[in-house]
Amino acid sequence: MKIEIDKKSGIPLYLQIKHQIKKLLRNGDLKPGEQLPTERDLSERLEVSRNTVSMAYKELVLEDVIRSIPGKGTF
């Protein structure tokens, strides 16, 4: 899964992550039911705080785009 963010952009980082995950789903690069990286893994890879990734994931869960299953992961 390829997510890139632009830290110099005026767009909040969590929104960039959120929009890119949606785009990956639309393009078929991310399949329904496919497991997403953990918040920790994605935050380390993007070099952002874990709270930033958590916020993006929480909004996607609220929009029913992804599902978070405690102890299993985010899909």
PDB file of N, CA and C in Angstrom:
ATOM      1  N   MET A   1       0.852  -1.178   0.000  1.00  0.00           N
ATOM      2  CA  MET A   1       0.000   0.000   0.000  1.00  0.00           C
ATOM      3  C   MET A   1       0.892   1.233   0.000  1.00  0.00           C
ATOM      4  N   LYS A   2       0.671   2.091  -0.969  1.00  0.00           N
ATOM      5  CA  LYS A   2       1.533   3.270  -1.108  1.00  0.00           C
ATOM      6  C   LYS A   2       0.769   4.535  -0.737  1.00  0.00           C
ATOM      7  N   ILE A   3       1.164   5.117   0.367  1.00  0.00           N
ATOM      8  CA  ILE A   3       0.588   6.384   0.812  1.00  0.00           C
ATOM      9  C   ILE A   3       1.731   7.386   0.912  1.00  0.00           C
ATOM     10  N   GLU A   4       1.529   8.540   0.289  1.00  0.00           N
ATOM     11  CA  GLU A   4       2.525   9.603   0.366  1.00  0.00           C
ATOM     12  C   GLU A   4       1.845  10.865   0.863  1.00  0.00           C
ATOM     13  N   ILE A   5       2.530  11.572   1.741  1.00  0.00           N
ATOM     14  CA  ILE A   5       1.983  12.821   2.258  1.00  0.00           C
ATOM     15  C   ILE A   5       2.950  13.955   1.951  1.00  0.00           C
ATOM     16  N   ASP A   6       2.398  15.146   1.910  1.00  0.00           N
ATOM     17  CA  ASP A   6       3.197  16.342   1.677  1.00  0.00           C
ATOM     18  C   ASP A   6       3.105  17.209   2.927  1.00  0.00           C
ATOM     19  N   LYS A   7       4.165  17.187   3.711  1.00  0.00           N
ATOM     20  CA  LYS A   7       4.155  17.917   4.984  1.00  0.00           C
ATOM     21  C   LYS A   7       4.144  19.431   4.787  1.00  0.00           C
ATOM     22  N   LYS A   8       4.479  19.895   3.585  1.00  0.00           N
ATOM     23  CA  LYS A   8       4.490  21.331   3.312  1.00  0.00           C
ATOM     24  C   LYS A   8       3.136  21.826   2.809  1.00  0.00           C
ATOM     25  N   SER A   9       2.258  20.894   2.499  1.00  0.00           N
ATOM     26  CA  SER A   9       0.927  21.244   2.017  1.00  0.00           C
ATOM     27  C   SER A   9       0.124  21.867   3.151  1.00  0.00           C
ATOM     28  N   GLY A  10      -0.840  22.681   2.804  1.00  0.00           N
ATOM     29  CA  GLY A  10      -1.698  23.279   3.819  1.00  0.00           C
ATOM     30  C   GLY A  10      -2.786  22.322   4.288  1.00  0.00           C
ATOM     31  N   ILE A  11      -2.865  21.153   3.660  1.00  0.00           N
ATOM     32  CA  ILE A  11      -3.890  20.166   4.011  1.00  0.00           C
ATOM     33  C   ILE A  11      -3.414  19.371   5.226  1.00  0.00           C
ATOM     34  N   PRO A  12      -4.254  19.258   6.266  1.00  0.00           N
ATOM     35  CA  PRO A  12      -3.846  18.482   7.445  1.00  0.00           C
ATOM     36  C   PRO A  12      -3.422  17.065   7.063  1.00  0.00           C
ATOM     37  N   LEU A  13      -2.387  16.574   7.744  1.00  0.00           N
ATOM     38  CA  LEU A  13      -1.826  15.261   7.412  1.00  0.00           C
ATOM     39  C   LEU A  13      -2.847  14.138   7.527  1.00  0.00           C
ATOM     40  N   TYR A  14      -3.707  14.189   8.556  1.00  0.00           N
ATOM     41  CA  TYR A  14      -4.672  13.111   8.724  1.00  0.00           C
ATOM     42  C   TYR A  14      -5.659  13.076   7.556  1.00  0.00           C
ATOM     43  N   LEU A  15      -5.980  14.250   7.002  1.00  0.00           N
ATOM     44  CA  LEU A  15      -6.877  14.289   5.839  1.00  0.00           C
ATOM     45  C   LEU A  15      -6.190  13.744   4.597  1.00  0.00           C
ATOM     46  N   GLN A  16      -4.899  14.015   4.461  1.00  0.00           N
ATOM     47  CA  GLN A  16      -4.156  13.469   3.328  1.00  0.00           C
ATOM     48  C   GLN A  16      -4.158  11.935   3.389  1.00  0.00           C
ATOM     49  N   ILE A  17      -3.935  11.395   4.576  1.00  0.00           N
ATOM     50  CA  ILE A  17      -3.933   9.937   4.754  1.00  0.00           C
ATOM     51  C   ILE A  17      -5.317   9.376   4.437  1.00  0.00           C
ATOM     52  N   LYS A  18      -6.327  10.006   4.999  1.00  0.00           N
ATOM     53  CA  LYS A  18      -7.715   9.570   4.792  1.00  0.00           C
ATOM     54  C   LYS A  18      -8.068   9.552   3.311  1.00  0.00           C
ATOM     55  N   HIS A  19      -7.782  10.641   2.606  1.00  0.00           N
ATOM     56  CA  HIS A  19      -8.121  10.737   1.186  1.00  0.00           C
ATOM     57  C   HIS A  19      -7.345   9.721   0.354  1.00  0.00           C
ATOM     58  N   GLN A  20      -6.100   9.460   0.724  1.00  0.00           N
ATOM     59  CA  GLN A  20      -5.313   8.503  -0.042  1.00  0.00           C
ATOM     60  C   GLN A  20      -5.810   7.075   0.161  1.00  0.00           C
ATOM     61  N   ILE A  21      -6.253   6.749   1.358  1.00  0.00           N
ATOM     62  CA  ILE A  21      -6.814   5.411   1.590  1.00  0.00           C
ATOM     63  C   ILE A  21      -8.089   5.243   0.763  1.00  0.00           C
ATOM     64  N   LYS A  22      -8.928   6.273   0.734  1.00  0.00           N
ATOM     65  CA  LYS A  22     -10.142   6.222  -0.085  1.00  0.00           C
ATOM     66  C   LYS A  22      -9.787   6.046  -1.562  1.00  0.00           C
ATOM     67  N   LYS A  23      -8.764   6.758  -2.011  1.00  0.00           N
ATOM     68  CA  LYS A  23      -8.336   6.668  -3.410  1.00  0.00           C
ATOM     69  C   LYS A  23      -7.818   5.262  -3.727  1.00  0.00           C
ATOM     70  N   LEU A  24      -7.063   4.681  -2.808  1.00  0.00           N
ATOM     71  CA  LEU A  24      -6.553   3.323  -3.008  1.00  0.00           C
ATOM     72  C   LEU A  24      -7.702   2.326  -3.152  1.00  0.00           C
ATOM     73  N   LEU A  25      -8.755   2.523  -2.382  1.00  0.00           N
ATOM     74  CA  LEU A  25      -9.933   1.654  -2.475  1.00  0.00           C
ATOM     75  C   LEU A  25     -10.641   1.848  -3.813  1.00  0.00           C
ATOM     76  N   ARG A  26     -10.829   3.101  -4.222  1.00  0.00           N
ATOM     77  CA  ARG A  26     -11.502   3.387  -5.501  1.00  0.00           C
ATOM     78  C   ARG A  26     -10.736   2.807  -6.681  1.00  0.00           C
ATOM     79  N   ASN A  27      -9.411   2.918  -6.641  1.00  0.00           N
ATOM     80  CA  ASN A  27      -8.573   2.447  -7.748  1.00  0.00           C
ATOM     81  C   ASN A  27      -8.374   0.933  -7.736  1.00  0.00           C
ATOM     82  N   GLY A  28      -8.798   0.280  -6.664  1.00  0.00           N
ATOM     83  CA  GLY A  28      -8.610  -1.162  -6.578  1.00  0.00           C
ATOM     84  C   GLY A  28      -7.233  -1.572  -6.080  1.00  0.00           C
ATOM     85  N   ASP A  29      -6.411  -0.591  -5.692  1.00  0.00           N
ATOM     86  CA  ASP A  29      -5.082  -0.911  -5.156  1.00  0.00           C
ATOM     87  C   ASP A  29      -5.187  -1.473  -3.741  1.00  0.00           C
ATOM     88  N   LEU A  30      -6.301  -1.198  -3.102  1.00  0.00           N
ATOM     89  CA  LEU A  30      -6.597  -1.737  -1.776  1.00  0.00           C
ATOM     90  C   LEU A  30      -7.936  -2.444  -1.906  1.00  0.00           C
ATOM     91  N   LYS A  31      -7.922  -3.729  -1.657  1.00  0.00           N
ATOM     92  CA  LYS A  31      -9.123  -4.545  -1.837  1.00  0.00           C
ATOM     93  C   LYS A  31      -9.999  -4.510  -0.583  1.00  0.00           C
ATOM     94  N   PRO A  32     -11.320  -4.579  -0.761  1.00  0.00           N
ATOM     95  CA  PRO A  32     -12.209  -4.660   0.401  1.00  0.00           C
ATOM     96  C   PRO A  32     -11.834  -5.870   1.268  1.00  0.00           C
ATOM     97  N   GLY A  33     -11.731  -5.634   2.564  1.00  0.00           N
ATOM     98  CA  GLY A  33     -11.361  -6.697   3.487  1.00  0.00           C
ATOM     99  C   GLY A  33      -9.863  -6.861   3.693  1.00  0.00           C
ATOM    100  N   GLU A  34      -9.068  -6.159   2.889  1.00  0.00           N
ATOM    101  CA  GLU A  34      -7.612  -6.231   3.032  1.00  0.00           C
ATOM    102  C   GLU A  34      -7.185  -5.487   4.288  1.00  0.00           C
ATOM    103  N   GLN A  35      -6.231  -6.059   5.012  1.00  0.00           N
ATOM    104  CA  GLN A  35      -5.795  -5.447   6.267  1.00  0.00           C
ATOM    105  C   GLN A  35      -4.906  -4.245   6.010  1.00  0.00           C
ATOM    106  N   LEU A  36      -5.195  -3.177   6.737  1.00  0.00           N
ATOM    107  CA  LEU A  36      -4.381  -1.960   6.677  1.00  0.00           C
ATOM    108  C   LEU A  36      -3.213  -2.091   7.653  1.00  0.00           C
ATOM    109  N   PRO A  37      -2.162  -1.305   7.446  1.00  0.00           N
ATOM    110  CA  PRO A  37      -1.057  -1.314   8.413  1.00  0.00           C
ATOM    111  C   PRO A  37      -1.560  -0.830   9.775  1.00  0.00           C
ATOM    112  N   THR A  38      -0.895  -1.255  10.824  1.00  0.00           N
ATOM    113  CA  THR A  38      -1.253  -0.761  12.155  1.00  0.00           C
ATOM    114  C   THR A  38      -0.965   0.739  12.213  1.00  0.00           C
ATOM    115  N   GLU A  39      -1.592   1.395  13.157  1.00  0.00           N
ATOM    116  CA  GLU A  39      -1.354   2.833  13.325  1.00  0.00           C
ATOM    117  C   GLU A  39       0.130   3.093  13.550  1.00  0.00           C
ATOM    118  N   ARG A  40       0.741   2.268  14.352  1.00  0.00           N
ATOM    119  CA  ARG A  40       2.167   2.447  14.658  1.00  0.00           C
ATOM    120  C   ARG A  40       3.019   2.277  13.402  1.00  0.00           C
ATOM    121  N   ASP A  41       2.762   1.212  12.640  1.00  0.00           N
ATOM    122  CA  ASP A  41       3.557   0.958  11.433  1.00  0.00           C
ATOM    123  C   ASP A  41       3.424   2.094  10.417  1.00  0.00           C
ATOM    124  N   LEU A  42       2.180   2.529  10.185  1.00  0.00           N
ATOM    125  CA  LEU A  42       1.968   3.583   9.199  1.00  0.00           C
ATOM    126  C   LEU A  42       2.555   4.913   9.676  1.00  0.00           C
ATOM    127  N   SER A  43       2.429   5.196  10.968  1.00  0.00           N
ATOM    128  CA  SER A  43       2.986   6.457  11.482  1.00  0.00           C
ATOM    129  C   SER A  43       4.513   6.464  11.372  1.00  0.00           C
ATOM    130  N   GLU A  44       5.143   5.326  11.609  1.00  0.00           N
ATOM    131  CA  GLU A  44       6.604   5.253  11.470  1.00  0.00           C
ATOM    132  C   GLU A  44       7.023   5.392  10.015  1.00  0.00           C
ATOM    133  N   ARG A  45       6.276   4.745   9.131  1.00  0.00           N
ATOM    134  CA  ARG A  45       6.614   4.791   7.706  1.00  0.00           C
ATOM    135  C   ARG A  45       6.449   6.203   7.141  1.00  0.00           C
ATOM    136  N   LEU A  46       5.405   6.909   7.572  1.00  0.00           N
ATOM    137  CA  LEU A  46       5.146   8.265   7.072  1.00  0.00           C
ATOM    138  C   LEU A  46       5.851   9.343   7.890  1.00  0.00           C
ATOM    139  N   GLU A  47       6.442   8.922   8.999  1.00  0.00           N
ATOM    140  CA  GLU A  47       7.129   9.841   9.908  1.00  0.00           C
ATOM    141  C   GLU A  47       6.186  10.933  10.410  1.00  0.00           C
ATOM    142  N   VAL A  48       5.029  10.481  10.903  1.00  0.00           N
ATOM    143  CA  VAL A  48       4.051  11.358  11.536  1.00  0.00           C
ATOM    144  C   VAL A  48       3.684  10.747  12.883  1.00  0.00           C
ATOM    145  N   SER A  49       2.974  11.499  13.706  1.00  0.00           N
ATOM    146  CA  SER A  49       2.599  10.958  15.002  1.00  0.00           C
ATOM    147  C   SER A  49       1.532   9.880  14.831  1.00  0.00           C
ATOM    148  N   ARG A  50       1.486   8.987  15.782  1.00  0.00           N
ATOM    149  CA  ARG A  50       0.493   7.920  15.748  1.00  0.00           C
ATOM    150  C   ARG A  50      -0.917   8.508  15.841  1.00  0.00           C
ATOM    151  N   ASN A  51      -1.057   9.616  16.566  1.00  0.00           N
ATOM    152  CA  ASN A  51      -2.355  10.277  16.686  1.00  0.00           C
ATOM    153  C   ASN A  51      -2.882  10.750  15.329  1.00  0.00           C
ATOM    154  N   THR A  52      -1.989  11.145  14.442  1.00  0.00           N
ATOM    155  CA  THR A  52      -2.381  11.587  13.108  1.00  0.00           C
ATOM    156  C   THR A  52      -3.031  10.438  12.340  1.00  0.00           C
ATOM    157  N   VAL A  53      -2.386   9.273  12.367  1.00  0.00           N
ATOM    158  CA  VAL A  53      -2.922   8.095  11.684  1.00  0.00           C
ATOM    159  C   VAL A  53      -4.213   7.654  12.371  1.00  0.00           C
ATOM    160  N   SER A  54      -4.221   7.699  13.691  1.00  0.00           N
ATOM    161  CA  SER A  54      -5.404   7.302  14.451  1.00  0.00           C
ATOM    162  C   SER A  54      -6.610   8.158  14.067  1.00  0.00           C
ATOM    163  N   MET A  55      -6.392   9.450  13.912  1.00  0.00           N
ATOM    164  CA  MET A  55      -7.472  10.347  13.536  1.00  0.00           C
ATOM    165  C   MET A  55      -8.018  10.010  12.148  1.00  0.00           C
ATOM    166  N   ALA A  56      -7.116   9.718  11.207  1.00  0.00           N
ATOM    167  CA  ALA A  56      -7.545   9.347   9.853  1.00  0.00           C
ATOM    168  C   ALA A  56      -8.354   8.057   9.896  1.00  0.00           C
ATOM    169  N   TYR A  57      -7.862   7.055  10.613  1.00  0.00           N
ATOM    170  CA  TYR A  57      -8.560   5.771  10.720  1.00  0.00           C
ATOM    171  C   TYR A  57      -9.925   5.947  11.385  1.00  0.00           C
ATOM    172  N   LYS A  58      -9.980   6.764  12.451  1.00  0.00           N
ATOM    173  CA  LYS A  58     -11.253   6.964  13.163  1.00  0.00           C
ATOM    174  C   LYS A  58     -12.303   7.596  12.251  1.00  0.00           C
ATOM    175  N   GLU A  59     -11.894   8.576  11.468  1.00  0.00           N
ATOM    176  CA  GLU A  59     -12.847   9.213  10.547  1.00  0.00           C
ATOM    177  C   GLU A  59     -13.325   8.226   9.488  1.00  0.00           C
ATOM    178  N   LEU A  60     -12.420   7.388   8.997  1.00  0.00           N
ATOM    179  CA  LEU A  60     -12.802   6.389   7.993  1.00  0.00           C
ATOM    180  C   LEU A  60     -13.750   5.348   8.583  1.00  0.00           C
ATOM    181  N   VAL A  61     -13.559   4.999   9.850  1.00  0.00           N
ATOM    182  CA  VAL A  61     -14.466   4.065  10.525  1.00  0.00           C
ATOM    183  C   VAL A  61     -15.847   4.713  10.655  1.00  0.00           C
ATOM    184  N   LEU A  62     -15.881   5.982  11.066  1.00  0.00           N
ATOM    185  CA  LEU A  62     -17.155   6.689  11.214  1.00  0.00           C
ATOM    186  C   LEU A  62     -17.894   6.811   9.885  1.00  0.00           C
ATOM    187  N   GLU A  63     -17.148   6.909   8.796  1.00  0.00           N
ATOM    188  CA  GLU A  63     -17.754   7.000   7.461  1.00  0.00           C
ATOM    189  C   GLU A  63     -18.067   5.624   6.891  1.00  0.00           C
ATOM    190  N   ASP A  64     -17.777   4.583   7.656  1.00  0.00           N
ATOM    191  CA  ASP A  64     -18.024   3.194   7.249  1.00  0.00           C
ATOM    192  C   ASP A  64     -17.219   2.801   6.006  1.00  0.00           C
ATOM    193  N   VAL A  65     -16.021   3.373   5.889  1.00  0.00           N
ATOM    194  CA  VAL A  65     -15.129   3.044   4.782  1.00  0.00           C
ATOM    195  C   VAL A  65     -14.234   1.873   5.179  1.00  0.00           C
ATOM    196  N   ILE A  66     -13.804   1.874   6.432  1.00  0.00           N
ATOM    197  CA  ILE A  66     -12.984   0.777   6.954  1.00  0.00           C
ATOM    198  C   ILE A  66     -13.627   0.272   8.244  1.00  0.00           C
ATOM    199  N   ARG A  67     -13.160  -0.874   8.671  1.00  0.00           N
ATOM    200  CA  ARG A  67     -13.670  -1.476   9.913  1.00  0.00           C
ATOM    201  C   ARG A  67     -12.484  -1.826  10.803  1.00  0.00           C
ATOM    202  N   SER A  68     -12.612  -1.475  12.066  1.00  0.00           N
ATOM    203  CA  SER A  68     -11.586  -1.782  13.054  1.00  0.00           C
ATOM    204  C   SER A  68     -12.112  -2.876  13.979  1.00  0.00           C
ATOM    205  N   ILE A  69     -11.334  -3.967  14.071  1.00  0.00           N
ATOM    206  CA  ILE A  69     -11.721  -5.081  14.929  1.00  0.00           C
ATOM    207  C   ILE A  69     -10.664  -5.217  16.022  1.00  0.00           C
ATOM    208  N   PRO A  70     -11.060  -4.908  17.274  1.00  0.00           N
ATOM    209  CA  PRO A  70     -10.090  -4.976  18.368  1.00  0.00           C
ATOM    210  C   PRO A  70      -9.407  -6.351  18.448  1.00  0.00           C
ATOM    211  N   GLY A  71      -8.090  -6.306  18.549  1.00  0.00           N
ATOM    212  CA  GLY A  71      -7.310  -7.527  18.652  1.00  0.00           C
ATOM    213  C   GLY A  71      -7.006  -8.170  17.304  1.00  0.00           C
ATOM    214  N   LYS A  72      -7.638  -7.702  16.237  1.00  0.00           N
ATOM    215  CA  LYS A  72      -7.436  -8.289  14.900  1.00  0.00           C
ATOM    216  C   LYS A  72      -6.755  -7.323  13.960  1.00  0.00           C
ATOM    217  N   GLY A  73      -7.230  -6.061  13.938  1.00  0.00           N
ATOM    218  CA  GLY A  73      -6.656  -5.087  13.034  1.00  0.00           C
ATOM    219  C   GLY A  73      -7.708  -4.209  12.391  1.00  0.00           C
ATOM    220  N   THR A  74      -7.263  -3.471  11.383  1.00  0.00           N
ATOM    221  CA  THR A  74      -8.133  -2.556  10.657  1.00  0.00           C
ATOM    222  C   THR A  74      -8.213  -3.038   9.218  1.00  0.00           C
ATOM    223  N   PHE A  75      -9.437  -3.145   8.707  1.00  0.00           N
ATOM    224  CA  PHE A  75      -9.660  -3.725   7.379  1.00  0.00           C
ATOM    225  C   PHE A  75     -10.517  -2.809   6.520  1.00  0.00           C
TER     226      PHE A  75
END
